[in-house]
Full PDB file with SEQRES, HELIX, SHEET, SSBOND, CRYST1, ORIGX, SCALE, CONECT and MASTER records, all heavy atoms in Angstrom:
SEQRES   1 A   34  TYR LEU GLN MET ASN SER LEU LYS PRO GLU ASP THR ALA          
SEQRES   2 A   34  VAL TYR TYR CYS ALA GLY LYS THR GLY GLY ILE ALA THR          
SEQRES   3 A   34  MET PRO LEU GLY TYR ASN TYR TRP                              
HELIX    1 AA1 PRO A    9  ASP A   11  5                                   3    
HELIX    2 AA2 PRO A   28  GLY A   30  5                                   3    
CRYST1    1.000    1.000    1.000  90.00  90.00  90.00 P 1           1          
ORIGX1      1.000000  0.000000  0.000000        0.00000                         
ORIGX2      0.000000  1.000000  0.000000        0.00000                         
ORIGX3      0.000000  0.000000  1.000000        0.00000                         
SCALE1      1.000000  0.000000  0.000000        0.00000                         
SCALE2      0.000000  1.000000  0.000000        0.00000                         
SCALE3      0.000000  0.000000  1.000000        0.00000                         
ATOM      1  N   TYR A   1     -34.352 -36.081  51.569  1.00  0.00           N  
ATOM      2  CA  TYR A   1     -34.885 -36.593  52.815  1.00  0.00           C  
ATOM      3  C   TYR A   1     -36.175 -37.357  52.579  1.00  0.00           C  
ATOM      4  O   TYR A   1     -36.918 -37.094  51.635  1.00  0.00           O  
ATOM      5  CB  TYR A   1     -35.186 -35.452  53.788  1.00  0.00           C  
ATOM      6  CG  TYR A   1     -34.018 -34.556  54.070  1.00  0.00           C  
ATOM      7  CD1 TYR A   1     -33.830 -33.377  53.352  1.00  0.00           C  
ATOM      8  CD2 TYR A   1     -33.095 -34.876  55.063  1.00  0.00           C  
ATOM      9  CE1 TYR A   1     -32.757 -32.545  53.611  1.00  0.00           C  
ATOM     10  CE2 TYR A   1     -32.013 -34.056  55.330  1.00  0.00           C  
ATOM     11  CZ  TYR A   1     -31.851 -32.887  54.602  1.00  0.00           C  
ATOM     12  OH  TYR A   1     -30.784 -32.058  54.858  1.00  0.00           O  
ATOM     13  N   LEU A   2     -36.448 -38.276  53.464  1.00  0.00           N  
ATOM     14  CA  LEU A   2     -37.741 -38.923  53.517  1.00  0.00           C  
ATOM     15  C   LEU A   2     -38.225 -38.865  54.960  1.00  0.00           C  
ATOM     16  O   LEU A   2     -37.703 -39.577  55.821  1.00  0.00           O  
ATOM     17  CB  LEU A   2     -37.678 -40.369  53.033  1.00  0.00           C  
ATOM     18  CG  LEU A   2     -39.027 -41.085  52.950  1.00  0.00           C  
ATOM     19  CD1 LEU A   2     -39.888 -40.476  51.838  1.00  0.00           C  
ATOM     20  CD2 LEU A   2     -38.846 -42.583  52.725  1.00  0.00           C  
ATOM     21  N   GLN A   3     -39.184 -37.996  55.209  1.00  0.00           N  
ATOM     22  CA  GLN A   3     -39.802 -37.903  56.520  1.00  0.00           C  
ATOM     23  C   GLN A   3     -40.931 -38.911  56.593  1.00  0.00           C  
ATOM     24  O   GLN A   3     -41.867 -38.859  55.787  1.00  0.00           O  
ATOM     25  CB  GLN A   3     -40.336 -36.491  56.761  1.00  0.00           C  
ATOM     26  CG  GLN A   3     -41.037 -36.314  58.102  1.00  0.00           C  
ATOM     27  CD  GLN A   3     -40.099 -36.434  59.269  1.00  0.00           C  
ATOM     28  OE1 GLN A   3     -39.015 -35.863  59.265  1.00  0.00           O  
ATOM     29  NE2 GLN A   3     -40.501 -37.193  60.281  1.00  0.00           N  
ATOM     30  N   MET A   4     -40.855 -39.815  57.544  1.00  0.00           N  
ATOM     31  CA  MET A   4     -41.821 -40.896  57.677  1.00  0.00           C  
ATOM     32  C   MET A   4     -42.547 -40.738  59.004  1.00  0.00           C  
ATOM     33  O   MET A   4     -41.932 -40.841  60.069  1.00  0.00           O  
ATOM     34  CB  MET A   4     -41.133 -42.254  57.594  1.00  0.00           C  
ATOM     35  CG  MET A   4     -40.306 -42.442  56.328  1.00  0.00           C  
ATOM     36  SD  MET A   4     -39.628 -44.122  56.183  1.00  0.00           S  
ATOM     37  CE  MET A   4     -38.489 -44.114  57.573  1.00  0.00           C  
ATOM     38  N   ASN A   5     -43.833 -40.499  58.931  1.00  0.00           N  
ATOM     39  CA  ASN A   5     -44.669 -40.349  60.111  1.00  0.00           C  
ATOM     40  C   ASN A   5     -45.702 -41.463  60.163  1.00  0.00           C  
ATOM     41  O   ASN A   5     -45.975 -42.126  59.168  1.00  0.00           O  
ATOM     42  CB  ASN A   5     -45.377 -38.992  60.099  1.00  0.00           C  
ATOM     43  CG  ASN A   5     -44.430 -37.820  60.131  1.00  0.00           C  
ATOM     44  OD1 ASN A   5     -43.369 -37.880  60.755  1.00  0.00           O  
ATOM     45  ND2 ASN A   5     -44.804 -36.731  59.467  1.00  0.00           N  
ATOM     46  N   SER A   6     -46.281 -41.644  61.330  1.00  0.00           N  
ATOM     47  CA  SER A   6     -47.324 -42.659  61.523  1.00  0.00           C  
ATOM     48  C   SER A   6     -46.884 -44.011  60.990  1.00  0.00           C  
ATOM     49  O   SER A   6     -47.613 -44.690  60.265  1.00  0.00           O  
ATOM     50  CB  SER A   6     -48.626 -42.208  60.854  1.00  0.00           C  
ATOM     51  OG  SER A   6     -49.075 -40.978  61.383  1.00  0.00           O  
ATOM     52  N   LEU A   7     -45.698 -44.410  61.359  1.00  0.00           N  
ATOM     53  CA  LEU A   7     -45.121 -45.638  60.820  1.00  0.00           C  
ATOM     54  C   LEU A   7     -45.905 -46.866  61.268  1.00  0.00           C  
ATOM     55  O   LEU A   7     -46.413 -46.931  62.387  1.00  0.00           O  
ATOM     56  CB  LEU A   7     -43.664 -45.758  61.237  1.00  0.00           C  
ATOM     57  CG  LEU A   7     -42.708 -44.882  60.429  1.00  0.00           C  
ATOM     58  CD1 LEU A   7     -41.384 -44.724  61.144  1.00  0.00           C  
ATOM     59  CD2 LEU A   7     -42.500 -45.490  59.037  1.00  0.00           C  
ATOM     60  N   LYS A   8     -45.960 -47.826  60.362  1.00  0.00           N  
ATOM     61  CA  LYS A   8     -46.652 -49.086  60.581  1.00  0.00           C  
ATOM     62  C   LYS A   8     -45.670 -50.237  60.458  1.00  0.00           C  
ATOM     63  O   LYS A   8     -44.653 -50.119  59.777  1.00  0.00           O  
ATOM     64  CB  LYS A   8     -47.764 -49.265  59.546  1.00  0.00           C  
ATOM     65  CG  LYS A   8     -48.764 -48.130  59.476  1.00  0.00           C  
ATOM     66  CD  LYS A   8     -49.732 -48.346  58.321  1.00  0.00           C  
ATOM     67  CE  LYS A   8     -50.731 -47.210  58.220  1.00  0.00           C  
ATOM     68  NZ  LYS A   8     -51.658 -47.413  57.076  1.00  0.00           N  
ATOM     69  N   PRO A   9     -45.959 -51.376  61.084  1.00  0.00           N  
ATOM     70  CA  PRO A   9     -45.088 -52.539  60.898  1.00  0.00           C  
ATOM     71  C   PRO A   9     -44.888 -52.908  59.428  1.00  0.00           C  
ATOM     72  O   PRO A   9     -43.812 -53.401  59.066  1.00  0.00           O  
ATOM     73  CB  PRO A   9     -45.814 -53.643  61.665  1.00  0.00           C  
ATOM     74  CG  PRO A   9     -46.547 -52.919  62.739  1.00  0.00           C  
ATOM     75  CD  PRO A   9     -46.995 -51.629  62.097  1.00  0.00           C  
ATOM     76  N   GLU A  10     -45.885 -52.659  58.600  1.00  0.00           N  
ATOM     77  CA  GLU A  10     -45.789 -52.956  57.179  1.00  0.00           C  
ATOM     78  C   GLU A  10     -44.757 -52.096  56.462  1.00  0.00           C  
ATOM     79  O   GLU A  10     -44.388 -52.390  55.321  1.00  0.00           O  
ATOM     80  CB  GLU A  10     -47.146 -52.765  56.493  1.00  0.00           C  
ATOM     81  CG  GLU A  10     -48.268 -53.592  57.098  1.00  0.00           C  
ATOM     82  CD  GLU A  10     -48.938 -52.881  58.260  1.00  0.00           C  
ATOM     83  OE1 GLU A  10     -49.796 -52.017  58.011  1.00  0.00           O  
ATOM     84  OE2 GLU A  10     -48.609 -53.209  59.420  1.00  0.00           O  
ATOM     85  N   ASP A  11     -44.289 -51.031  57.097  1.00  0.00           N  
ATOM     86  CA  ASP A  11     -43.249 -50.186  56.523  1.00  0.00           C  
ATOM     87  C   ASP A  11     -41.853 -50.757  56.731  1.00  0.00           C  
ATOM     88  O   ASP A  11     -40.883 -50.206  56.202  1.00  0.00           O  
ATOM     89  CB  ASP A  11     -43.303 -48.779  57.123  1.00  0.00           C  
ATOM     90  CG  ASP A  11     -44.597 -48.051  56.803  1.00  0.00           C  
ATOM     91  OD1 ASP A  11     -45.046 -48.125  55.639  1.00  0.00           O  
ATOM     92  OD2 ASP A  11     -45.154 -47.412  57.711  1.00  0.00           O  
ATOM     93  N   THR A  12     -41.735 -51.818  57.494  1.00  0.00           N  
ATOM     94  CA  THR A  12     -40.435 -52.420  57.766  1.00  0.00           C  
ATOM     95  C   THR A  12     -39.796 -52.909  56.471  1.00  0.00           C  
ATOM     96  O   THR A  12     -40.395 -53.686  55.728  1.00  0.00           O  
ATOM     97  CB  THR A  12     -40.579 -53.582  58.746  1.00  0.00           C  
ATOM     98  OG1 THR A  12     -41.031 -53.090  60.008  1.00  0.00           O  
ATOM     99  CG2 THR A  12     -39.246 -54.290  58.950  1.00  0.00           C  
ATOM    100  N   ALA A  13     -38.588 -52.440  56.199  1.00  0.00           N  
ATOM    101  CA  ALA A  13     -37.891 -52.781  54.966  1.00  0.00           C  
ATOM    102  C   ALA A  13     -36.524 -52.120  54.981  1.00  0.00           C  
ATOM    103  O   ALA A  13     -36.227 -51.282  55.841  1.00  0.00           O  
ATOM    104  CB  ALA A  13     -38.679 -52.310  53.741  1.00  0.00           C  
ATOM    105  N   VAL A  14     -35.715 -52.488  54.014  1.00  0.00           N  
ATOM    106  CA  VAL A  14     -34.509 -51.729  53.712  1.00  0.00           C  
ATOM    107  C   VAL A  14     -34.901 -50.636  52.736  1.00  0.00           C  
ATOM    108  O   VAL A  14     -35.518 -50.902  51.704  1.00  0.00           O  
ATOM    109  CB  VAL A  14     -33.403 -52.610  53.116  1.00  0.00           C  
ATOM    110  CG1 VAL A  14     -32.195 -51.763  52.731  1.00  0.00           C  
ATOM    111  CG2 VAL A  14     -32.992 -53.690  54.110  1.00  0.00           C  
ATOM    112  N   TYR A  15     -34.565 -49.412  53.057  1.00  0.00           N  
ATOM    113  CA  TYR A  15     -34.906 -48.267  52.233  1.00  0.00           C  
ATOM    114  C   TYR A  15     -33.685 -47.816  51.441  1.00  0.00           C  
ATOM    115  O   TYR A  15     -32.598 -47.649  51.998  1.00  0.00           O  
ATOM    116  CB  TYR A  15     -35.426 -47.121  53.097  1.00  0.00           C  
ATOM    117  CG  TYR A  15     -36.847 -47.334  53.546  1.00  0.00           C  
ATOM    118  CD1 TYR A  15     -37.153 -48.317  54.475  1.00  0.00           C  
ATOM    119  CD2 TYR A  15     -37.887 -46.568  53.020  1.00  0.00           C  
ATOM    120  CE1 TYR A  15     -38.465 -48.538  54.873  1.00  0.00           C  
ATOM    121  CE2 TYR A  15     -39.191 -46.778  53.422  1.00  0.00           C  
ATOM    122  CZ  TYR A  15     -39.477 -47.758  54.339  1.00  0.00           C  
ATOM    123  OH  TYR A  15     -40.776 -47.970  54.734  1.00  0.00           O  
ATOM    124  N   TYR A  16     -33.900 -47.620  50.146  1.00  0.00           N  
ATOM    125  CA  TYR A  16     -32.834 -47.247  49.235  1.00  0.00           C  
ATOM    126  C   TYR A  16     -33.103 -45.882  48.615  1.00  0.00           C  
ATOM    127  O   TYR A  16     -34.222 -45.601  48.183  1.00  0.00           O  
ATOM    128  CB  TYR A  16     -32.700 -48.268  48.100  1.00  0.00           C  
ATOM    129  CG  TYR A  16     -32.309 -49.649  48.546  1.00  0.00           C  
ATOM    130  CD1 TYR A  16     -33.272 -50.598  48.861  1.00  0.00           C  
ATOM    131  CD2 TYR A  16     -30.971 -50.006  48.645  1.00  0.00           C  
ATOM    132  CE1 TYR A  16     -32.920 -51.874  49.259  1.00  0.00           C  
ATOM    133  CE2 TYR A  16     -30.609 -51.280  49.041  1.00  0.00           C  
ATOM    134  CZ  TYR A  16     -31.585 -52.209  49.342  1.00  0.00           C  
ATOM    135  OH  TYR A  16     -31.234 -53.473  49.733  1.00  0.00           O  
ATOM    136  N   CYS A  17     -32.087 -45.090  48.536  1.00  0.00           N  
ATOM    137  CA  CYS A  17     -32.110 -43.836  47.812  1.00  0.00           C  
ATOM    138  C   CYS A  17     -31.593 -44.085  46.399  1.00  0.00           C  
ATOM    139  O   CYS A  17     -30.649 -44.855  46.201  1.00  0.00           O  
ATOM    140  CB  CYS A  17     -31.237 -42.813  48.536  1.00  0.00           C  
ATOM    141  SG  CYS A  17     -31.071 -41.217  47.729  1.00  0.00           S  
ATOM    142  N   ALA A  18     -32.201 -43.440  45.415  1.00  0.00           N  
ATOM    143  CA  ALA A  18     -31.815 -43.635  44.030  1.00  0.00           C  
ATOM    144  C   ALA A  18     -31.877 -42.316  43.272  1.00  0.00           C  
ATOM    145  O   ALA A  18     -32.658 -41.430  43.616  1.00  0.00           O  
ATOM    146  CB  ALA A  18     -32.724 -44.664  43.351  1.00  0.00           C  
ATOM    147  N   GLY A  19     -31.060 -42.215  42.224  1.00  0.00           N  
ATOM    148  CA  GLY A  19     -31.040 -41.021  41.406  1.00  0.00           C  
ATOM    149  C   GLY A  19     -31.059 -41.347  39.927  1.00  0.00           C  
ATOM    150  O   GLY A  19     -30.609 -42.417  39.511  1.00  0.00           O  
ATOM    151  N   LYS A  20     -31.571 -40.424  39.144  1.00  0.00           N  
ATOM    152  CA  LYS A  20     -31.622 -40.586  37.703  1.00  0.00           C  
ATOM    153  C   LYS A  20     -31.598 -39.243  37.014  1.00  0.00           C  
ATOM    154  O   LYS A  20     -32.018 -38.230  37.588  1.00  0.00           O  
ATOM    155  CB  LYS A  20     -32.888 -41.348  37.278  1.00  0.00           C  
ATOM    156  CG  LYS A  20     -34.170 -40.586  37.541  1.00  0.00           C  
ATOM    157  CD  LYS A  20     -35.420 -41.373  37.153  1.00  0.00           C  
ATOM    158  CE  LYS A  20     -35.519 -41.614  35.662  1.00  0.00           C  
ATOM    159  NZ  LYS A  20     -35.751 -40.364  34.896  1.00  0.00           N  
ATOM    160  N   THR A  21     -31.114 -39.232  35.789  1.00  0.00           N  
ATOM    161  CA  THR A  21     -31.268 -38.043  34.966  1.00  0.00           C  
ATOM    162  C   THR A  21     -32.693 -37.987  34.458  1.00  0.00           C  
ATOM    163  O   THR A  21     -33.396 -38.996  34.398  1.00  0.00           O  
ATOM    164  CB  THR A  21     -30.279 -38.058  33.798  1.00  0.00           C  
ATOM    165  OG1 THR A  21     -30.450 -39.270  33.044  1.00  0.00           O  
ATOM    166  CG2 THR A  21     -28.848 -37.996  34.303  1.00  0.00           C  
ATOM    167  N   GLY A  22     -33.127 -36.804  34.090  1.00  0.00           N  
ATOM    168  CA  GLY A  22     -34.488 -36.647  33.649  1.00  0.00           C  
ATOM    169  C   GLY A  22     -35.456 -36.560  34.815  1.00  0.00           C  
ATOM    170  O   GLY A  22     -35.064 -36.351  35.963  1.00  0.00           O  
ATOM    171  N   GLY A  23     -36.714 -36.732  34.518  1.00  0.00           N  
ATOM    172  CA  GLY A  23     -37.766 -36.556  35.495  1.00  0.00           C  
ATOM    173  C   GLY A  23     -38.085 -37.795  36.298  1.00  0.00           C  
ATOM    174  O   GLY A  23     -37.426 -38.829  36.205  1.00  0.00           O  
ATOM    175  N   ILE A  24     -39.142 -37.673  37.090  1.00  0.00           N  
ATOM    176  CA  ILE A  24     -39.561 -38.726  38.005  1.00  0.00           C  
ATOM    177  C   ILE A  24     -39.906 -40.015  37.266  1.00  0.00           C  
ATOM    178  O   ILE A  24     -40.498 -40.001  36.190  1.00  0.00           O  
ATOM    179  CB  ILE A  24     -40.780 -38.247  38.816  1.00  0.00           C  
ATOM    180  CG1 ILE A  24     -40.364 -37.220  39.865  1.00  0.00           C  
ATOM    181  CG2 ILE A  24     -41.505 -39.410  39.459  1.00  0.00           C  
ATOM    182  CD1 ILE A  24     -41.534 -36.578  40.585  1.00  0.00           C  
ATOM    183  N   ALA A  25     -39.530 -41.134  37.869  1.00  0.00           N  
ATOM    184  CA  ALA A  25     -39.943 -42.448  37.415  1.00  0.00           C  
ATOM    185  C   ALA A  25     -40.269 -43.288  38.633  1.00  0.00           C  
ATOM    186  O   ALA A  25     -39.724 -43.065  39.719  1.00  0.00           O  
ATOM    187  CB  ALA A  25     -38.862 -43.117  36.584  1.00  0.00           C  
ATOM    188  N   THR A  26     -41.159 -44.253  38.467  1.00  0.00           N  
ATOM    189  CA  THR A  26     -41.553 -45.122  39.567  1.00  0.00           C  
ATOM    190  C   THR A  26     -41.006 -46.528  39.442  1.00  0.00           C  
ATOM    191  O   THR A  26     -41.218 -47.342  40.339  1.00  0.00           O  
ATOM    192  CB  THR A  26     -43.082 -45.183  39.690  1.00  0.00           C  
ATOM    193  OG1 THR A  26     -43.650 -45.678  38.462  1.00  0.00           O  
ATOM    194  CG2 THR A  26     -43.660 -43.793  39.968  1.00  0.00           C  
ATOM    195  N   MET A  27     -40.321 -46.837  38.367  1.00  0.00           N  
ATOM    196  CA  MET A  27     -39.736 -48.154  38.178  1.00  0.00           C  
ATOM    197  C   MET A  27     -38.270 -48.137  38.576  1.00  0.00           C  
ATOM    198  O   MET A  27     -37.540 -47.229  38.189  1.00  0.00           O  
ATOM    199  CB  MET A  27     -39.877 -48.607  36.730  1.00  0.00           C  
ATOM    200  CG  MET A  27     -41.312 -48.775  36.269  1.00  0.00           C  
ATOM    201  SD  MET A  27     -41.418 -49.394  34.574  1.00  0.00           S  
ATOM    202  CE  MET A  27     -40.686 -48.022  33.684  1.00  0.00           C  
ATOM    203  N   PRO A  28     -37.813 -49.131  39.328  1.00  0.00           N  
ATOM    204  CA  PRO A  28     -36.401 -49.162  39.721  1.00  0.00           C  
ATOM    205  C   PRO A  28     -35.434 -49.100  38.551  1.00  0.00           C  
ATOM    206  O   PRO A  28     -34.374 -48.476  38.666  1.00  0.00           O  
ATOM    207  CB  PRO A  28     -36.277 -50.489  40.475  1.00  0.00           C  
ATOM    208  CG  PRO A  28     -37.651 -50.750  41.004  1.00  0.00           C  
ATOM    209  CD  PRO A  28     -38.580 -50.225  39.956  1.00  0.00           C  
ATOM    210  N   LEU A  29     -35.780 -49.723  37.431  1.00  0.00           N  
ATOM    211  CA  LEU A  29     -34.874 -49.751  36.289  1.00  0.00           C  
ATOM    212  C   LEU A  29     -34.666 -48.374  35.678  1.00  0.00           C  
ATOM    213  O   LEU A  29     -33.748 -48.188  34.888  1.00  0.00           O  
ATOM    214  CB  LEU A  29     -35.375 -50.726  35.230  1.00  0.00           C  
ATOM    215  CG  LEU A  29     -35.254 -52.207  35.572  1.00  0.00           C  
ATOM    216  CD1 LEU A  29     -35.865 -53.055  34.475  1.00  0.00           C  
ATOM    217  CD2 LEU A  29     -33.790 -52.580  35.784  1.00  0.00           C  
ATOM    218  N   GLY A  30     -35.486 -47.411  36.019  1.00  0.00           N  
ATOM    219  CA  GLY A  30     -35.313 -46.064  35.516  1.00  0.00           C  
ATOM    220  C   GLY A  30     -34.215 -45.276  36.199  1.00  0.00           C  
ATOM    221  O   GLY A  30     -33.869 -44.194  35.727  1.00  0.00           O  
ATOM    222  N   TYR A  31     -33.674 -45.806  37.280  1.00  0.00           N  
ATOM    223  CA  TYR A  31     -32.683 -45.089  38.075  1.00  0.00           C  
ATOM    224  C   TYR A  31     -31.275 -45.610  37.825  1.00  0.00           C  
ATOM    225  O   TYR A  31     -31.053 -46.813  37.718  1.00  0.00           O  
ATOM    226  CB  TYR A  31     -33.038 -45.171  39.558  1.00  0.00           C  
ATOM    227  CG  TYR A  31     -34.252 -44.342  39.877  1.00  0.00           C  
ATOM    228  CD1 TYR A  31     -35.532 -44.820  39.615  1.00  0.00           C  
ATOM    229  CD2 TYR A  31     -34.123 -43.064  40.403  1.00  0.00           C  
ATOM    230  CE1 TYR A  31     -36.649 -44.044  39.866  1.00  0.00           C  
ATOM    231  CE2 TYR A  31     -35.232 -42.287  40.668  1.00  0.00           C  
ATOM    232  CZ  TYR A  31     -36.490 -42.778  40.396  1.00  0.00           C  
ATOM    233  OH  TYR A  31     -37.601 -42.011  40.653  1.00  0.00           O  
ATOM    234  N   ASN A  32     -30.337 -44.687  37.770  1.00  0.00           N  
ATOM    235  CA  ASN A  32     -28.961 -45.002  37.417  1.00  0.00           C  
ATOM    236  C   ASN A  32     -28.055 -45.218  38.623  1.00  0.00           C  
ATOM    237  O   ASN A  32     -27.064 -45.953  38.533  1.00  0.00           O  
ATOM    238  CB  ASN A  32     -28.372 -43.876  36.570  1.00  0.00           C  
ATOM    239  CG  ASN A  32     -29.215 -43.546  35.361  1.00  0.00           C  
ATOM    240  OD1 ASN A  32     -29.866 -42.500  35.314  1.00  0.00           O  
ATOM    241  ND2 ASN A  32     -29.215 -44.442  34.383  1.00  0.00           N  
ATOM    242  N   TYR A  33     -28.360 -44.568  39.727  1.00  0.00           N  
ATOM    243  CA  TYR A  33     -27.496 -44.597  40.902  1.00  0.00           C  
ATOM    244  C   TYR A  33     -28.291 -45.010  42.122  1.00  0.00           C  
ATOM    245  O   TYR A  33     -29.435 -44.581  42.308  1.00  0.00           O  
ATOM    246  CB  TYR A  33     -26.859 -43.225  41.134  1.00  0.00           C  
ATOM    247  CG  TYR A  33     -26.032 -42.749  39.967  1.00  0.00           C  
ATOM    248  CD1 TYR A  33     -26.553 -41.856  39.039  1.00  0.00           C  
ATOM    249  CD2 TYR A  33     -24.731 -43.206  39.782  1.00  0.00           C  
ATOM    250  CE1 TYR A  33     -25.804 -41.429  37.960  1.00  0.00           C  
ATOM    251  CE2 TYR A  33     -23.975 -42.783  38.704  1.00  0.00           C  
ATOM    252  CZ  TYR A  33     -24.519 -41.892  37.795  1.00  0.00           C  
ATOM    253  OH  TYR A  33     -23.770 -41.470  36.719  1.00  0.00           O  
ATOM    254  N   TRP A  34     -27.652 -45.818  42.973  1.00  0.00           N  
ATOM    255  CA  TRP A  34     -28.307 -46.361  44.155  1.00  0.00           C  
ATOM    256  C   TRP A  34     -27.407 -46.277  45.370  1.00  0.00           C  
ATOM    257  O   TRP A  34     -26.193 -46.468  45.278  1.00  0.00           O  
ATOM    258  CB  TRP A  34     -28.688 -47.826  43.934  1.00  0.00           C  
ATOM    259  CG  TRP A  34     -29.752 -48.000  42.911  1.00  0.00           C  
ATOM    260  CD1 TRP A  34     -29.590 -48.083  41.561  1.00  0.00           C  
ATOM    261  CD2 TRP A  34     -31.154 -48.104  43.156  1.00  0.00           C  
ATOM    262  NE1 TRP A  34     -30.809 -48.230  40.950  1.00  0.00           N  
ATOM    263  CE2 TRP A  34     -31.779 -48.248  41.894  1.00  0.00           C  
ATOM    264  CE3 TRP A  34     -31.939 -48.094  44.313  1.00  0.00           C  
ATOM    265  CZ2 TRP A  34     -33.164 -48.379  41.768  1.00  0.00           C  
ATOM    266  CZ3 TRP A  34     -33.309 -48.223  44.190  1.00  0.00           C  
ATOM    267  CH2 TRP A  34     -33.907 -48.364  42.922  1.00  0.00           C  
TER     268      TRP A  34                                                      
MASTER        0    0    0    2    0    0    0    6  267    1    0    3          
END                                                                             
């Protein structure tokens, strides 16, 4: 889940869920499934 509070116009976007083996990564290329 992603709980989003106090939303701002700058938050407007398409939001994607992604998964990967191993630990957390912040780069999109680190994720295997979208």
